Amino acid sequence: MPRAALRKPARITALAARAAQDNPATLTVLMVSLALAIFLMSLAWVVPALYL
């Protein structure tokens, strides 16, 4: 069995935190993508309500 298969899966938050330490622009990208996701999820509720 390969060694990579024996490792525990890394959590996304740990990977993001490590990337943000190495590259400060990564934190900006994460914040923008989070804001965009929140905005688009809010549209999923607002747009159908306009047609009721």
PDB file of N, CA and C in Angstrom:
ATOM      1  N   MET A   1       0.852  -1.184   0.000  1.00  0.00           N
ATOM      2  CA  MET A   1       0.000   0.000   0.000  1.00  0.00           C
ATOM      3  C   MET A   1       0.897   1.246   0.000  1.00  0.00           C
ATOM      4  N   PRO A   2       0.588   2.209  -0.857  1.00  0.00           N
ATOM      5  CA  PRO A   2       1.433   3.413  -0.897  1.00  0.00           C
ATOM      6  C   PRO A   2       1.352   4.207   0.407  1.00  0.00           C
ATOM      7  N   ARG A   3       2.412   4.928   0.686  1.00  0.00           N
ATOM      8  CA  ARG A   3       2.455   5.696   1.932  1.00  0.00           C
ATOM      9  C   ARG A   3       1.405   6.796   1.961  1.00  0.00           C
ATOM     10  N   ALA A   4       1.114   7.391   0.816  1.00  0.00           N
ATOM     11  CA  ALA A   4       0.152   8.494   0.779  1.00  0.00           C
ATOM     12  C   ALA A   4      -1.232   8.028   1.214  1.00  0.00           C
ATOM     13  N   ALA A   5      -1.548   6.775   0.973  1.00  0.00           N
ATOM     14  CA  ALA A   5      -2.869   6.262   1.335  1.00  0.00           C
ATOM     15  C   ALA A   5      -3.010   6.088   2.843  1.00  0.00           C
ATOM     16  N   LEU A   6      -1.901   6.022   3.560  1.00  0.00           N
ATOM     17  CA  LEU A   6      -1.957   5.811   5.000  1.00  0.00           C
ATOM     18  C   LEU A   6      -2.140   7.109   5.783  1.00  0.00           C
ATOM     19  N   ARG A   7      -1.920   8.246   5.128  1.00  0.00           N
ATOM     20  CA  ARG A   7      -2.053   9.520   5.837  1.00  0.00           C
ATOM     21  C   ARG A   7      -3.515   9.867   6.058  1.00  0.00           C
ATOM     22  N   LYS A   8      -3.777  10.590   7.131  1.00  0.00           N
ATOM     23  CA  LYS A   8      -5.134  11.057   7.387  1.00  0.00           C
ATOM     24  C   LYS A   8      -5.460  12.185   6.406  1.00  0.00           C
ATOM     25  N   PRO A   9      -6.707  12.287   5.987  1.00  0.00           N
ATOM     26  CA  PRO A   9      -7.053  13.385   5.073  1.00  0.00           C
ATOM     27  C   PRO A   9      -6.927  14.739   5.779  1.00  0.00           C
ATOM     28  N   ALA A  10      -6.360  15.694   5.091  1.00  0.00           N
ATOM     29  CA  ALA A  10      -6.196  17.030   5.668  1.00  0.00           C
ATOM     30  C   ALA A  10      -7.516  17.779   5.593  1.00  0.00           C
ATOM     31  N   ARG A  11      -7.771  18.566   6.606  1.00  0.00           N
ATOM     32  CA  ARG A  11      -8.988  19.385   6.596  1.00  0.00           C
ATOM     33  C   ARG A  11      -8.749  20.620   5.732  1.00  0.00           C
ATOM     34  N   ILE A  12      -9.808  21.051   5.074  1.00  0.00           N
ATOM     35  CA  ILE A  12      -9.704  22.222   4.207  1.00  0.00           C
ATOM     36  C   ILE A  12      -9.297  23.456   5.016  1.00  0.00           C
ATOM     37  N   THR A  13      -9.819  23.581   6.230  1.00  0.00           N
ATOM     38  CA  THR A  13      -9.485  24.758   7.042  1.00  0.00           C
ATOM     39  C   THR A  13      -7.999  24.795   7.362  1.00  0.00           C
ATOM     40  N   ALA A  14      -7.418  23.632   7.628  1.00  0.00           N
ATOM     41  CA  ALA A  14      -5.985  23.583   7.918  1.00  0.00           C
ATOM     42  C   ALA A  14      -5.180  23.955   6.678  1.00  0.00           C
ATOM     43  N   LEU A  15      -5.611  23.470   5.527  1.00  0.00           N
ATOM     44  CA  LEU A  15      -4.913  23.809   4.286  1.00  0.00           C
ATOM     45  C   LEU A  15      -5.032  25.299   3.990  1.00  0.00           C
ATOM     46  N   ALA A  16      -6.221  25.850   4.199  1.00  0.00           N
ATOM     47  CA  ALA A  16      -6.429  27.275   3.934  1.00  0.00           C
ATOM     48  C   ALA A  16      -5.618  28.133   4.894  1.00  0.00           C
ATOM     49  N   ALA A  17      -5.547  27.726   6.148  1.00  0.00           N
ATOM     50  CA  ALA A  17      -4.775  28.493   7.130  1.00  0.00           C
ATOM     51  C   ALA A  17      -3.292  28.467   6.789  1.00  0.00           C
ATOM     52  N   ARG A  18      -2.804  27.308   6.372  1.00  0.00           N
ATOM     53  CA  ARG A  18      -1.392  27.208   5.998  1.00  0.00           C
ATOM     54  C   ARG A  18      -1.103  28.045   4.757  1.00  0.00           C
ATOM     55  N   ALA A  19      -2.016  28.014   3.785  1.00  0.00           N
ATOM     56  CA  ALA A  19      -1.822  28.786   2.560  1.00  0.00           C
ATOM     57  C   ALA A  19      -1.872  30.283   2.846  1.00  0.00           C
ATOM     58  N   ALA A  20      -2.746  30.695   3.768  1.00  0.00           N
ATOM     59  CA  ALA A  20      -2.850  32.119   4.104  1.00  0.00           C
ATOM     60  C   ALA A  20      -1.592  32.612   4.810  1.00  0.00           C
ATOM     61  N   GLN A  21      -0.929  31.744   5.556  1.00  0.00           N
ATOM     62  CA  GLN A  21       0.327  32.141   6.198  1.00  0.00           C
ATOM     63  C   GLN A  21       1.428  32.301   5.161  1.00  0.00           C
ATOM     64  N   ASP A  22       1.453  31.398   4.191  1.00  0.00           N
ATOM     65  CA  ASP A  22       2.505  31.440   3.176  1.00  0.00           C
ATOM     66  C   ASP A  22       2.302  32.585   2.192  1.00  0.00           C
ATOM     67  N   ASN A  23       1.038  32.869   1.851  1.00  0.00           N
ATOM     68  CA  ASN A  23       0.740  33.872   0.840  1.00  0.00           C
ATOM     69  C   ASN A  23      -0.421  34.729   1.335  1.00  0.00           C
ATOM     70  N   PRO A  24      -0.171  35.978   1.707  1.00  0.00           N
ATOM     71  CA  PRO A  24      -1.237  36.826   2.248  1.00  0.00           C
ATOM     72  C   PRO A  24      -2.391  37.055   1.274  1.00  0.00           C
ATOM     73  N   ALA A  25      -2.146  36.977  -0.013  1.00  0.00           N
ATOM     74  CA  ALA A  25      -3.216  37.182  -0.992  1.00  0.00           C
ATOM     75  C   ALA A  25      -4.243  36.060  -0.922  1.00  0.00           C
ATOM     76  N   THR A  26      -3.855  34.908  -0.413  1.00  0.00           N
ATOM     77  CA  THR A  26      -4.785  33.788  -0.304  1.00  0.00           C
ATOM     78  C   THR A  26      -5.936  34.131   0.630  1.00  0.00           C
ATOM     79  N   LEU A  27      -5.653  34.850   1.692  1.00  0.00           N
ATOM     80  CA  LEU A  27      -6.703  35.246   2.628  1.00  0.00           C
ATOM     81  C   LEU A  27      -7.723  36.142   1.938  1.00  0.00           C
ATOM     82  N   THR A  28      -7.248  37.041   1.087  1.00  0.00           N
ATOM     83  CA  THR A  28      -8.153  37.911   0.337  1.00  0.00           C
ATOM     84  C   THR A  28      -9.031  37.094  -0.594  1.00  0.00           C
ATOM     85  N   VAL A  29      -8.450  36.133  -1.267  1.00  0.00           N
ATOM     86  CA  VAL A  29      -9.221  35.285  -2.180  1.00  0.00           C
ATOM     87  C   VAL A  29     -10.271  34.494  -1.413  1.00  0.00           C
ATOM     88  N   LEU A  30      -9.908  33.970  -0.244  1.00  0.00           N
ATOM     89  CA  LEU A  30     -10.868  33.223   0.566  1.00  0.00           C
ATOM     90  C   LEU A  30     -12.015  34.112   1.030  1.00  0.00           C
ATOM     91  N   MET A  31     -11.714  35.330   1.439  1.00  0.00           N
ATOM     92  CA  MET A  31     -12.758  36.247   1.903  1.00  0.00           C
ATOM     93  C   MET A  31     -13.695  36.642   0.769  1.00  0.00           C
ATOM     94  N   VAL A  32     -13.137  36.909  -0.403  1.00  0.00           N
ATOM     95  CA  VAL A  32     -13.971  37.287  -1.551  1.00  0.00           C
ATOM     96  C   VAL A  32     -14.854  36.125  -1.970  1.00  0.00           C
ATOM     97  N   SER A  33     -14.314  34.919  -1.985  1.00  0.00           N
ATOM     98  CA  SER A  33     -15.120  33.765  -2.380  1.00  0.00           C
ATOM     99  C   SER A  33     -16.211  33.479  -1.354  1.00  0.00           C
ATOM    100  N   LEU A  34     -15.926  33.694  -0.071  1.00  0.00           N
ATOM    101  CA  LEU A  34     -16.948  33.521   0.957  1.00  0.00           C
ATOM    102  C   LEU A  34     -18.055  34.556   0.801  1.00  0.00           C
ATOM    103  N   ALA A  35     -17.682  35.811   0.547  1.00  0.00           N
ATOM    104  CA  ALA A  35     -18.688  36.860   0.351  1.00  0.00           C
ATOM    105  C   ALA A  35     -19.535  36.570  -0.882  1.00  0.00           C
ATOM    106  N   LEU A  36     -18.916  36.103  -1.939  1.00  0.00           N
ATOM    107  CA  LEU A  36     -19.664  35.772  -3.156  1.00  0.00           C
ATOM    108  C   LEU A  36     -20.619  34.614  -2.912  1.00  0.00           C
ATOM    109  N   ALA A  37     -20.177  33.615  -2.174  1.00  0.00           N
ATOM    110  CA  ALA A  37     -21.044  32.472  -1.872  1.00  0.00           C
ATOM    111  C   ALA A  37     -22.244  32.903  -1.039  1.00  0.00           C
ATOM    112  N   ILE A  38     -22.027  33.768  -0.060  1.00  0.00           N
ATOM    113  CA  ILE A  38     -23.136  34.256   0.769  1.00  0.00           C
ATOM    114  C   ILE A  38     -24.113  35.059  -0.078  1.00  0.00           C
ATOM    115  N   PHE A  39     -23.599  35.908  -0.949  1.00  0.00           N
ATOM    116  CA  PHE A  39     -24.456  36.716  -1.817  1.00  0.00           C
ATOM    117  C   PHE A  39     -25.290  35.835  -2.743  1.00  0.00           C
ATOM    118  N   LEU A  40     -24.667  34.836  -3.349  1.00  0.00           N
ATOM    119  CA  LEU A  40     -25.397  33.968  -4.274  1.00  0.00           C
ATOM    120  C   LEU A  40     -26.420  33.107  -3.541  1.00  0.00           C
ATOM    121  N   MET A  41     -26.108  32.688  -2.324  1.00  0.00           N
ATOM    122  CA  MET A  41     -27.086  31.912  -1.554  1.00  0.00           C
ATOM    123  C   MET A  41     -28.280  32.781  -1.166  1.00  0.00           C
ATOM    124  N   SER A  42     -28.036  34.055  -0.910  1.00  0.00           N
ATOM    125  CA  SER A  42     -29.161  34.935  -0.587  1.00  0.00           C
ATOM    126  C   SER A  42     -30.039  35.147  -1.814  1.00  0.00           C
ATOM    127  N   LEU A  43     -29.446  35.168  -2.991  1.00  0.00           N
ATOM    128  CA  LEU A  43     -30.244  35.304  -4.216  1.00  0.00           C
ATOM    129  C   LEU A  43     -31.135  34.091  -4.436  1.00  0.00           C
ATOM    130  N   ALA A  44     -30.700  32.942  -3.966  1.00  0.00           N
ATOM    131  CA  ALA A  44     -31.507  31.729  -4.124  1.00  0.00           C
ATOM    132  C   ALA A  44     -32.823  31.846  -3.365  1.00  0.00           C
ATOM    133  N   TRP A  45     -32.875  32.690  -2.345  1.00  0.00           N
ATOM    134  CA  TRP A  45     -34.123  32.917  -1.603  1.00  0.00           C
ATOM    135  C   TRP A  45     -34.887  34.114  -2.153  1.00  0.00           C
ATOM    136  N   VAL A  46     -34.183  35.156  -2.560  1.00  0.00           N
ATOM    137  CA  VAL A  46     -34.839  36.400  -2.956  1.00  0.00           C
ATOM    138  C   VAL A  46     -35.490  36.286  -4.328  1.00  0.00           C
ATOM    139  N   VAL A  47     -34.784  35.731  -5.284  1.00  0.00           N
ATOM    140  CA  VAL A  47     -35.302  35.680  -6.656  1.00  0.00           C
ATOM    141  C   VAL A  47     -36.607  34.897  -6.748  1.00  0.00           C
ATOM    142  N   PRO A  48     -36.742  33.703  -6.170  1.00  0.00           N
ATOM    143  CA  PRO A  48     -38.045  33.026  -6.239  1.00  0.00           C
ATOM    144  C   PRO A  48     -39.145  33.795  -5.509  1.00  0.00           C
ATOM    145  N   ALA A  49     -38.795  34.516  -4.451  1.00  0.00           N
ATOM    146  CA  ALA A  49     -39.806  35.271  -3.703  1.00  0.00           C
ATOM    147  C   ALA A  49     -40.372  36.416  -4.532  1.00  0.00           C
ATOM    148  N   LEU A  50     -39.620  36.915  -5.485  1.00  0.00           N
ATOM    149  CA  LEU A  50     -40.113  38.000  -6.334  1.00  0.00           C
ATOM    150  C   LEU A  50     -41.247  37.538  -7.245  1.00  0.00           C
ATOM    151  N   TYR A  51     -41.284  36.258  -7.542  1.00  0.00           N
ATOM    152  CA  TYR A  51     -42.287  35.732  -8.466  1.00  0.00           C
ATOM    153  C   TYR A  51     -43.501  35.170  -7.750  1.00  0.00           C
ATOM    154  N   LEU A  52     -43.568  35.258  -6.432  1.00  0.00           N
ATOM    155  CA  LEU A  52     -44.728  34.754  -5.688  1.00  0.00           C
ATOM    156  C   LEU A  52     -45.785  35.823  -5.535  1.00  0.00           C
TER     157      LEU A  52
END
